[in-house]
Amino acid sequence: ESTVECDIFHQDVSRGDYFLLCSDGLSNMMDDQEILFEVVHGVNKQHCCKRLLDIAKNRGAPDNVTSILIMV
């Protein structure tokens, strides 16, 4: 489309907070609590996105699965 509307919001952050940006390929396959568990309790943060991808794919994600994990 010639015009795109973006959702914009402001969020206070603190050192050690995480932001997970992901496509609906992930968020449609896992609920928020499952994703939160993987981010917070996963042993190796460098492999968190890979674990999330694997879970979504194993559950039959029908399209692209994209995620980016950012630590403040």
C-alpha atoms as a PDB file:
ATOM      1  CA  GLU A   1       0.000   0.000   0.000  1.00  0.00           C
ATOM      2  CA  SER A   2       1.126   3.563  -0.560  1.00  0.00           C
ATOM      3  CA  THR A   3       0.606   4.491   3.112  1.00  0.00           C
ATOM      4  CA  VAL A   4       1.506   2.421   6.123  1.00  0.00           C
ATOM      5  CA  GLU A   5       0.366   3.086   9.684  1.00  0.00           C
ATOM      6  CA  CYS A   6       2.741   2.085  12.465  1.00  0.00           C
ATOM      7  CA  ASP A   7       1.897   1.314  16.046  1.00  0.00           C
ATOM      8  CA  ILE A   8       4.094   3.521  18.229  1.00  0.00           C
ATOM      9  CA  PHE A   9       4.303   3.395  21.999  1.00  0.00           C
ATOM     10  CA  HIS A  10       6.672   4.541  24.719  1.00  0.00           C
ATOM     11  CA  GLN A  11       8.009   2.223  27.381  1.00  0.00           C
ATOM     12  CA  ASP A  12      10.248   3.017  30.348  1.00  0.00           C
ATOM     13  CA  VAL A  13      13.205   0.651  30.408  1.00  0.00           C
ATOM     14  CA  SER A  14      15.883  -0.284  32.886  1.00  0.00           C
ATOM     15  CA  ARG A  15      19.272  -1.879  32.522  1.00  0.00           C
ATOM     16  CA  GLY A  16      18.796  -5.635  32.120  1.00  0.00           C
ATOM     17  CA  ASP A  17      15.353  -5.395  30.485  1.00  0.00           C
ATOM     18  CA  TYR A  18      14.693  -7.379  27.319  1.00  0.00           C
ATOM     19  CA  PHE A  19      12.774  -6.520  24.169  1.00  0.00           C
ATOM     20  CA  LEU A  20      11.647  -9.306  21.893  1.00  0.00           C
ATOM     21  CA  LEU A  21      10.583  -8.226  18.427  1.00  0.00           C
ATOM     22  CA  CYS A  22       8.924 -11.062  16.557  1.00  0.00           C
ATOM     23  CA  SER A  23       6.669 -11.867  13.655  1.00  0.00           C
ATOM     24  CA  ASP A  24       3.270 -13.455  13.967  1.00  0.00           C
ATOM     25  CA  GLY A  25       4.890 -16.700  12.825  1.00  0.00           C
ATOM     26  CA  LEU A  26       6.189 -16.924  16.393  1.00  0.00           C
ATOM     27  CA  SER A  27       3.492 -15.136  18.390  1.00  0.00           C
ATOM     28  CA  ASN A  28       0.721 -17.232  16.803  1.00  0.00           C
ATOM     29  CA  MET A  29       2.456 -20.479  17.786  1.00  0.00           C
ATOM     30  CA  MET A  30       3.397 -19.665  21.387  1.00  0.00           C
ATOM     31  CA  ASP A  31       1.527 -17.807  24.078  1.00  0.00           C
ATOM     32  CA  ASP A  32       3.093 -14.874  25.926  1.00  0.00           C
ATOM     33  CA  GLN A  33       3.905 -16.920  29.030  1.00  0.00           C
ATOM     34  CA  GLU A  34       5.787 -19.543  27.009  1.00  0.00           C
ATOM     35  CA  ILE A  35       7.814 -16.882  25.234  1.00  0.00           C
ATOM     36  CA  LEU A  36       8.519 -15.100  28.524  1.00  0.00           C
ATOM     37  CA  PHE A  37       9.717 -18.350  30.089  1.00  0.00           C
ATOM     38  CA  GLU A  38      12.176 -18.967  27.240  1.00  0.00           C
ATOM     39  CA  VAL A  39      13.543 -15.415  27.408  1.00  0.00           C
ATOM     40  CA  VAL A  40      13.842 -15.210  31.201  1.00  0.00           C
ATOM     41  CA  HIS A  41      14.832 -18.767  32.103  1.00  0.00           C
ATOM     42  CA  GLY A  42      16.805 -19.822  29.041  1.00  0.00           C
ATOM     43  CA  VAL A  43      20.375 -20.637  30.008  1.00  0.00           C
ATOM     44  CA  ASN A  44      22.055 -19.100  26.964  1.00  0.00           C
ATOM     45  CA  LYS A  45      20.536 -15.793  25.794  1.00  0.00           C
ATOM     46  CA  GLN A  46      22.555 -16.006  22.558  1.00  0.00           C
ATOM     47  CA  HIS A  47      20.509 -19.044  21.526  1.00  0.00           C
ATOM     48  CA  CYS A  48      17.086 -17.843  22.713  1.00  0.00           C
ATOM     49  CA  CYS A  49      15.821 -16.853  19.250  1.00  0.00           C
ATOM     50  CA  LYS A  50      16.929 -20.218  17.863  1.00  0.00           C
ATOM     51  CA  ARG A  51      15.022 -22.041  20.634  1.00  0.00           C
ATOM     52  CA  LEU A  52      11.912 -19.954  19.932  1.00  0.00           C
ATOM     53  CA  LEU A  53      12.238 -20.667  16.206  1.00  0.00           C
ATOM     54  CA  ASP A  54      12.591 -24.399  16.834  1.00  0.00           C
ATOM     55  CA  ILE A  55       9.495 -24.473  19.052  1.00  0.00           C
ATOM     56  CA  ALA A  56       7.408 -22.573  16.488  1.00  0.00           C
ATOM     57  CA  LYS A  57       8.603 -24.782  13.620  1.00  0.00           C
ATOM     58  CA  ASN A  58       7.929 -27.962  15.625  1.00  0.00           C
ATOM     59  CA  ARG A  59       4.384 -26.727  16.200  1.00  0.00           C
ATOM     60  CA  GLY A  60       3.866 -26.292  12.469  1.00  0.00           C
ATOM     61  CA  ALA A  61       4.399 -22.557  11.957  1.00  0.00           C
ATOM     62  CA  PRO A  62       2.794 -21.972   8.537  1.00  0.00           C
ATOM     63  CA  ASP A  63       4.889 -18.971   7.513  1.00  0.00           C
ATOM     64  CA  ASN A  64       8.090 -17.104   8.262  1.00  0.00           C
ATOM     65  CA  VAL A  65       9.227 -16.968  11.876  1.00  0.00           C
ATOM     66  CA  THR A  66      11.385 -13.992  12.761  1.00  0.00           C
ATOM     67  CA  SER A  67      12.630 -12.790  16.145  1.00  0.00           C
ATOM     68  CA  ILE A  68      15.183 -10.381  17.540  1.00  0.00           C
ATOM     69  CA  LEU A  69      16.066 -10.290  21.255  1.00  0.00           C
ATOM     70  CA  ILE A  70      17.527  -7.043  22.586  1.00  0.00           C
ATOM     71  CA  MET A  71      18.948  -6.613  26.082  1.00  0.00           C
ATOM     72  CA  VAL A  72      19.057  -3.071  27.475  1.00  0.00           C
END
